[in-house]
Amino acid sequence: MQSVYKMVKGFVKEAVEYAKQGAPHVTAKQYESRLTACTNCPHLKKDVERCGLCGCLVEHKAKWATATCPDKPPRWEPIKVGQGGKKIKLKRNGGESNTTDTSNQVQSPNSKS
């Protein structure tokens, strides 16, 4: 198991990236896949549900889309946020468009344009 210093350092690095990306979570299917990979990993400390390589609690780390498995090769990779995602179509709300005005004009938060 990692030293406490290395665990904290690794956690901080992962947490900063997670926060910078907007705290994205994986889908339920991706989460199950990651947990299965961790459960079958020989490095898992089953008594405390921690990764033996990085010391993270696998039930939490597996939720973070930006996290990666520390094994070589990784058992699961981070999900690239905003890349290769499916396109969505915004629905209209009461006849008004949900699009944002992208003009160069500064608008008051109370103005309706």
N, C-alpha and C. Protein backbone atom coordinates (compact mmCIF):
# COMPACT_ATOMS: atom_id res chain seq x y z
N MET A 1 0.87 -1.18 0.00
CA MET A 1 0.00 0.00 0.00
C MET A 1 0.91 1.23 0.00
N GLN A 2 0.44 2.27 -0.66
CA GLN A 2 1.17 3.53 -0.75
C GLN A 2 1.33 4.18 0.62
N SER A 3 2.34 5.04 0.74
CA SER A 3 2.48 5.83 1.96
C SER A 3 1.33 6.85 2.00
N VAL A 4 1.03 7.35 3.17
CA VAL A 4 -0.05 8.33 3.32
C VAL A 4 0.26 9.56 2.46
N TYR A 5 1.50 10.00 2.44
CA TYR A 5 1.89 11.16 1.64
C TYR A 5 1.57 10.94 0.16
N LYS A 6 1.95 9.78 -0.38
CA LYS A 6 1.70 9.50 -1.80
C LYS A 6 0.21 9.36 -2.09
N MET A 7 -0.55 8.79 -1.14
CA MET A 7 -2.00 8.68 -1.34
C MET A 7 -2.64 10.06 -1.40
N VAL A 8 -2.25 10.94 -0.48
CA VAL A 8 -2.82 12.29 -0.46
C VAL A 8 -2.41 13.05 -1.72
N LYS A 9 -1.16 12.93 -2.11
CA LYS A 9 -0.67 13.61 -3.31
C LYS A 9 -1.44 13.14 -4.54
N GLY A 10 -1.63 11.83 -4.67
CA GLY A 10 -2.38 11.28 -5.80
C GLY A 10 -3.84 11.70 -5.78
N PHE A 11 -4.44 11.69 -4.59
CA PHE A 11 -5.83 12.10 -4.46
C PHE A 11 -6.01 13.56 -4.86
N VAL A 12 -5.11 14.42 -4.39
CA VAL A 12 -5.21 15.85 -4.72
C VAL A 12 -5.10 16.05 -6.23
N LYS A 13 -4.17 15.36 -6.86
CA LYS A 13 -4.01 15.48 -8.32
C LYS A 13 -5.29 15.07 -9.04
N GLU A 14 -5.86 13.92 -8.64
CA GLU A 14 -7.11 13.44 -9.26
C GLU A 14 -8.26 14.39 -8.97
N ALA A 15 -8.35 14.89 -7.74
CA ALA A 15 -9.46 15.78 -7.35
C ALA A 15 -9.40 17.11 -8.09
N VAL A 16 -8.21 17.63 -8.30
CA VAL A 16 -8.07 18.90 -9.04
C VAL A 16 -8.55 18.72 -10.48
N GLU A 17 -8.13 17.65 -11.13
CA GLU A 17 -8.57 17.40 -12.51
C GLU A 17 -10.08 17.20 -12.57
N TYR A 18 -10.61 16.46 -11.63
CA TYR A 18 -12.05 16.20 -11.53
C TYR A 18 -12.81 17.53 -11.40
N ALA A 19 -12.34 18.40 -10.53
CA ALA A 19 -12.99 19.70 -10.33
C ALA A 19 -12.84 20.60 -11.56
N LYS A 20 -11.65 20.61 -12.17
CA LYS A 20 -11.43 21.44 -13.36
C LYS A 20 -12.37 21.05 -14.50
N GLN A 21 -12.70 19.77 -14.59
CA GLN A 21 -13.56 19.28 -15.67
C GLN A 21 -15.04 19.42 -15.32
N GLY A 22 -15.36 19.96 -14.15
CA GLY A 22 -16.76 20.16 -13.79
C GLY A 22 -17.36 19.01 -12.99
N ALA A 23 -16.52 18.21 -12.36
CA ALA A 23 -16.94 17.08 -11.52
C ALA A 23 -17.83 16.09 -12.27
N PRO A 24 -17.39 15.61 -13.43
CA PRO A 24 -18.22 14.67 -14.20
C PRO A 24 -18.17 13.25 -13.65
N HIS A 25 -19.31 12.61 -13.64
CA HIS A 25 -19.40 11.20 -13.24
C HIS A 25 -19.57 10.33 -14.47
N VAL A 26 -19.20 9.07 -14.34
CA VAL A 26 -19.40 8.11 -15.41
C VAL A 26 -20.86 7.65 -15.39
N THR A 27 -21.27 6.96 -16.44
CA THR A 27 -22.63 6.40 -16.48
C THR A 27 -22.70 5.21 -15.53
N ALA A 28 -23.90 4.76 -15.23
CA ALA A 28 -24.08 3.60 -14.36
C ALA A 28 -23.39 2.36 -14.94
N LYS A 29 -23.47 2.21 -16.25
CA LYS A 29 -22.85 1.06 -16.92
C LYS A 29 -21.32 1.13 -16.81
N GLN A 30 -20.75 2.32 -17.03
CA GLN A 30 -19.30 2.50 -16.91
C GLN A 30 -18.85 2.27 -15.47
N TYR A 31 -19.65 2.74 -14.52
CA TYR A 31 -19.33 2.56 -13.10
C TYR A 31 -19.28 1.08 -12.74
N GLU A 32 -20.29 0.34 -13.17
CA GLU A 32 -20.32 -1.11 -12.91
C GLU A 32 -19.11 -1.80 -13.53
N SER A 33 -18.75 -1.40 -14.75
CA SER A 33 -17.61 -1.98 -15.43
C SER A 33 -16.31 -1.71 -14.67
N ARG A 34 -16.16 -0.49 -14.19
CA ARG A 34 -14.97 -0.13 -13.42
C ARG A 34 -14.91 -0.90 -12.10
N LEU A 35 -16.05 -0.99 -11.40
CA LEU A 35 -16.06 -1.72 -10.14
C LEU A 35 -15.75 -3.19 -10.34
N THR A 36 -16.24 -3.77 -11.43
CA THR A 36 -15.95 -5.17 -11.75
C THR A 36 -14.45 -5.34 -11.98
N ALA A 37 -13.86 -4.41 -12.72
CA ALA A 37 -12.42 -4.47 -12.98
C ALA A 37 -11.64 -4.39 -11.66
N CYS A 38 -12.08 -3.50 -10.77
CA CYS A 38 -11.40 -3.36 -9.47
C CYS A 38 -11.59 -4.60 -8.60
N THR A 39 -12.79 -5.15 -8.61
CA THR A 39 -13.08 -6.34 -7.81
C THR A 39 -12.22 -7.52 -8.25
N ASN A 40 -11.95 -7.61 -9.53
CA ASN A 40 -11.14 -8.71 -10.07
C ASN A 40 -9.64 -8.44 -10.05
N CYS A 41 -9.25 -7.27 -9.58
CA CYS A 41 -7.84 -6.88 -9.58
C CYS A 41 -7.11 -7.48 -8.36
N PRO A 42 -5.92 -8.03 -8.58
CA PRO A 42 -5.17 -8.61 -7.46
C PRO A 42 -4.64 -7.55 -6.47
N HIS A 43 -4.64 -6.27 -6.88
CA HIS A 43 -4.14 -5.20 -6.01
C HIS A 43 -5.21 -4.68 -5.04
N LEU A 44 -6.48 -5.05 -5.25
CA LEU A 44 -7.55 -4.56 -4.39
C LEU A 44 -7.38 -5.08 -2.96
N LYS A 45 -7.43 -4.19 -2.00
CA LYS A 45 -7.43 -4.55 -0.59
C LYS A 45 -8.88 -4.72 -0.19
N LYS A 46 -9.38 -5.94 -0.32
CA LYS A 46 -10.81 -6.22 -0.17
C LYS A 46 -11.36 -5.87 1.21
N ASP A 47 -10.55 -6.01 2.24
CA ASP A 47 -11.04 -5.73 3.59
C ASP A 47 -11.40 -4.26 3.81
N VAL A 48 -10.75 -3.36 3.06
CA VAL A 48 -11.03 -1.92 3.19
C VAL A 48 -11.53 -1.29 1.90
N GLU A 49 -11.68 -2.12 0.84
CA GLU A 49 -12.14 -1.66 -0.47
C GLU A 49 -11.29 -0.51 -1.00
N ARG A 50 -9.98 -0.64 -0.85
CA ARG A 50 -9.04 0.36 -1.35
C ARG A 50 -8.12 -0.26 -2.40
N CYS A 51 -7.72 0.58 -3.33
CA CYS A 51 -6.74 0.16 -4.33
C CYS A 51 -5.39 0.02 -3.63
N GLY A 52 -4.73 -1.10 -3.83
CA GLY A 52 -3.42 -1.32 -3.24
C GLY A 52 -2.31 -0.54 -3.91
N LEU A 53 -2.58 0.02 -5.10
CA LEU A 53 -1.56 0.79 -5.81
C LEU A 53 -1.61 2.28 -5.45
N CYS A 54 -2.82 2.85 -5.39
CA CYS A 54 -2.92 4.28 -5.13
C CYS A 54 -3.57 4.59 -3.78
N GLY A 55 -4.23 3.61 -3.16
CA GLY A 55 -4.85 3.82 -1.86
C GLY A 55 -6.24 4.41 -1.90
N CYS A 56 -6.76 4.68 -3.09
CA CYS A 56 -8.08 5.31 -3.20
C CYS A 56 -9.19 4.33 -2.83
N LEU A 57 -10.29 4.88 -2.35
CA LEU A 57 -11.49 4.08 -2.14
C LEU A 57 -12.10 3.86 -3.52
N VAL A 58 -12.12 2.62 -3.97
CA VAL A 58 -12.53 2.33 -5.35
C VAL A 58 -13.98 2.72 -5.62
N GLU A 59 -14.87 2.62 -4.63
CA GLU A 59 -16.27 2.96 -4.88
C GLU A 59 -16.43 4.43 -5.23
N HIS A 60 -15.52 5.28 -4.77
CA HIS A 60 -15.60 6.71 -5.09
C HIS A 60 -14.81 7.05 -6.35
N LYS A 61 -13.58 6.56 -6.43
CA LYS A 61 -12.74 6.88 -7.58
C LYS A 61 -13.36 6.39 -8.89
N ALA A 62 -14.02 5.25 -8.85
CA ALA A 62 -14.62 4.68 -10.06
C ALA A 62 -15.74 5.55 -10.61
N LYS A 63 -16.32 6.43 -9.80
CA LYS A 63 -17.40 7.33 -10.25
C LYS A 63 -16.88 8.50 -11.06
N TRP A 64 -15.65 8.89 -10.81
CA TRP A 64 -15.10 10.09 -11.44
C TRP A 64 -14.69 9.79 -12.88
N ALA A 65 -15.31 10.48 -13.82
CA ALA A 65 -15.01 10.26 -15.24
C ALA A 65 -13.55 10.57 -15.57
N THR A 66 -12.94 11.48 -14.84
CA THR A 66 -11.57 11.90 -15.13
C THR A 66 -10.51 11.00 -14.51
N ALA A 67 -10.92 10.07 -13.66
CA ALA A 67 -9.96 9.20 -12.96
C ALA A 67 -9.49 8.05 -13.85
N THR A 68 -8.34 7.53 -13.53
CA THR A 68 -7.80 6.38 -14.25
C THR A 68 -7.30 5.34 -13.25
N CYS A 69 -7.25 4.13 -13.69
CA CYS A 69 -6.71 3.04 -12.90
C CYS A 69 -5.19 3.16 -12.89
N PRO A 70 -4.54 3.02 -11.72
CA PRO A 70 -3.08 3.18 -11.67
C PRO A 70 -2.29 1.94 -12.10
N ASP A 71 -2.97 0.83 -12.39
CA ASP A 71 -2.27 -0.39 -12.79
C ASP A 71 -1.63 -0.20 -14.17
N LYS A 72 -0.63 -0.98 -14.46
CA LYS A 72 0.05 -0.94 -15.76
C LYS A 72 -0.14 -2.27 -16.46
N PRO A 73 -0.86 -2.36 -17.56
CA PRO A 73 -1.68 -1.30 -18.17
C PRO A 73 -2.93 -1.05 -17.34
N PRO A 74 -3.51 0.16 -17.48
CA PRO A 74 -4.70 0.50 -16.70
C PRO A 74 -5.87 -0.45 -17.01
N ARG A 75 -6.62 -0.79 -16.00
CA ARG A 75 -7.79 -1.64 -16.16
C ARG A 75 -8.97 -0.84 -16.68
N TRP A 76 -8.93 0.49 -16.51
CA TRP A 76 -9.90 1.41 -17.10
C TRP A 76 -9.26 2.77 -17.25
N GLU A 77 -9.70 3.48 -18.26
CA GLU A 77 -9.13 4.78 -18.63
C GLU A 77 -10.08 5.91 -18.24
N PRO A 78 -9.56 7.14 -18.17
CA PRO A 78 -10.47 8.27 -17.94
C PRO A 78 -11.37 8.47 -19.15
N ILE A 79 -12.53 9.04 -18.91
CA ILE A 79 -13.46 9.37 -19.99
C ILE A 79 -13.14 10.80 -20.41
N LYS A 80 -12.90 11.01 -21.68
CA LYS A 80 -12.59 12.34 -22.19
C LYS A 80 -13.85 13.18 -22.19
N VAL A 81 -13.92 14.13 -21.29
CA VAL A 81 -15.11 14.97 -21.14
C VAL A 81 -15.19 15.94 -22.31
N GLY A 82 -16.34 15.92 -23.00
CA GLY A 82 -16.57 16.84 -24.10
C GLY A 82 -16.00 16.39 -25.43
N GLN A 83 -15.37 15.24 -25.49
CA GLN A 83 -14.81 14.75 -26.74
C GLN A 83 -15.54 13.49 -27.17
N GLY A 84 -16.02 13.50 -28.39
CA GLY A 84 -16.66 12.32 -28.93
C GLY A 84 -18.03 12.05 -28.35
N GLY A 85 -18.58 13.03 -27.67
CA GLY A 85 -19.90 12.86 -27.08
C GLY A 85 -20.98 12.94 -28.14
N LYS A 86 -22.17 12.49 -27.79
CA LYS A 86 -23.25 12.56 -28.75
C LYS A 86 -23.86 13.96 -28.76
N LYS A 87 -24.35 14.36 -29.91
CA LYS A 87 -24.97 15.66 -30.04
C LYS A 87 -26.37 15.60 -29.46
N ILE A 88 -26.78 16.69 -28.84
CA ILE A 88 -28.12 16.76 -28.29
C ILE A 88 -28.85 17.94 -28.88
N LYS A 89 -30.14 17.86 -28.92
CA LYS A 89 -30.95 18.95 -29.41
C LYS A 89 -31.71 19.52 -28.24
N LEU A 90 -31.56 20.81 -28.03
CA LEU A 90 -32.26 21.46 -26.93
C LEU A 90 -33.73 21.62 -27.27
N LYS A 91 -34.58 21.39 -26.30
CA LYS A 91 -36.01 21.55 -26.50
C LYS A 91 -36.40 22.98 -26.19
N ARG A 92 -37.45 23.41 -26.82
CA ARG A 92 -37.96 24.75 -26.55
C ARG A 92 -38.80 24.71 -25.28
N ASN A 93 -38.73 25.78 -24.53
CA ASN A 93 -39.45 25.88 -23.27
C ASN A 93 -40.52 26.95 -23.41
N GLY A 94 -41.77 26.54 -23.57
CA GLY A 94 -42.86 27.51 -23.69
C GLY A 94 -42.73 28.39 -24.91
N GLY A 95 -42.18 27.85 -25.98
CA GLY A 95 -42.05 28.63 -27.21
C GLY A 95 -40.76 29.43 -27.29
N GLU A 96 -40.04 29.56 -26.17
CA GLU A 96 -38.78 30.30 -26.18
C GLU A 96 -37.63 29.34 -26.44
N SER A 97 -36.65 29.79 -27.17
CA SER A 97 -35.49 28.98 -27.47
C SER A 97 -34.58 28.91 -26.25
N ASN A 98 -33.91 27.79 -26.07
CA ASN A 98 -32.95 27.64 -24.97
C ASN A 98 -31.54 27.99 -25.42
N THR A 99 -31.38 28.75 -26.47
CA THR A 99 -30.06 29.10 -26.94
C THR A 99 -29.62 30.40 -26.29
N THR A 100 -28.33 30.64 -26.30
CA THR A 100 -27.75 31.82 -25.67
C THR A 100 -27.37 32.82 -26.74
N ASP A 101 -27.61 34.11 -26.47
CA ASP A 101 -27.21 35.17 -27.38
C ASP A 101 -25.69 35.28 -27.35
N THR A 102 -25.06 35.16 -28.49
CA THR A 102 -23.61 35.21 -28.54
C THR A 102 -23.11 36.50 -29.17
N SER A 103 -23.93 37.55 -29.17
CA SER A 103 -23.49 38.82 -29.74
C SER A 103 -22.44 39.46 -28.85
N ASN A 104 -21.81 40.49 -29.34
CA ASN A 104 -20.78 41.19 -28.59
C ASN A 104 -21.35 42.23 -27.64
N GLN A 105 -22.66 42.37 -27.61
CA GLN A 105 -23.30 43.34 -26.75
C GLN A 105 -23.35 42.83 -25.30
N VAL A 106 -22.99 43.71 -24.36
CA VAL A 106 -23.12 43.36 -22.95
C VAL A 106 -24.57 43.54 -22.57
N GLN A 107 -25.14 42.55 -21.92
CA GLN A 107 -26.54 42.61 -21.55
C GLN A 107 -26.70 42.58 -20.05
N SER A 108 -27.67 43.32 -19.57
CA SER A 108 -28.02 43.30 -18.17
C SER A 108 -28.66 41.95 -17.88
N PRO A 109 -28.45 41.39 -16.68
CA PRO A 109 -29.07 40.11 -16.37
C PRO A 109 -30.60 40.17 -16.36
N ASN A 110 -31.16 41.38 -16.24
CA ASN A 110 -32.62 41.54 -16.21
C ASN A 110 -33.22 41.81 -17.58
N SER A 111 -32.37 42.04 -18.58
CA SER A 111 -32.91 42.37 -19.90
C SER A 111 -33.38 41.13 -20.64
N LYS A 112 -34.44 41.27 -21.42
CA LYS A 112 -34.93 40.17 -22.28
C LYS A 112 -34.72 40.62 -23.70
N SER A 113 -33.96 39.87 -24.45
CA SER A 113 -33.75 40.26 -25.85
C SER A 113 -34.29 39.26 -26.80
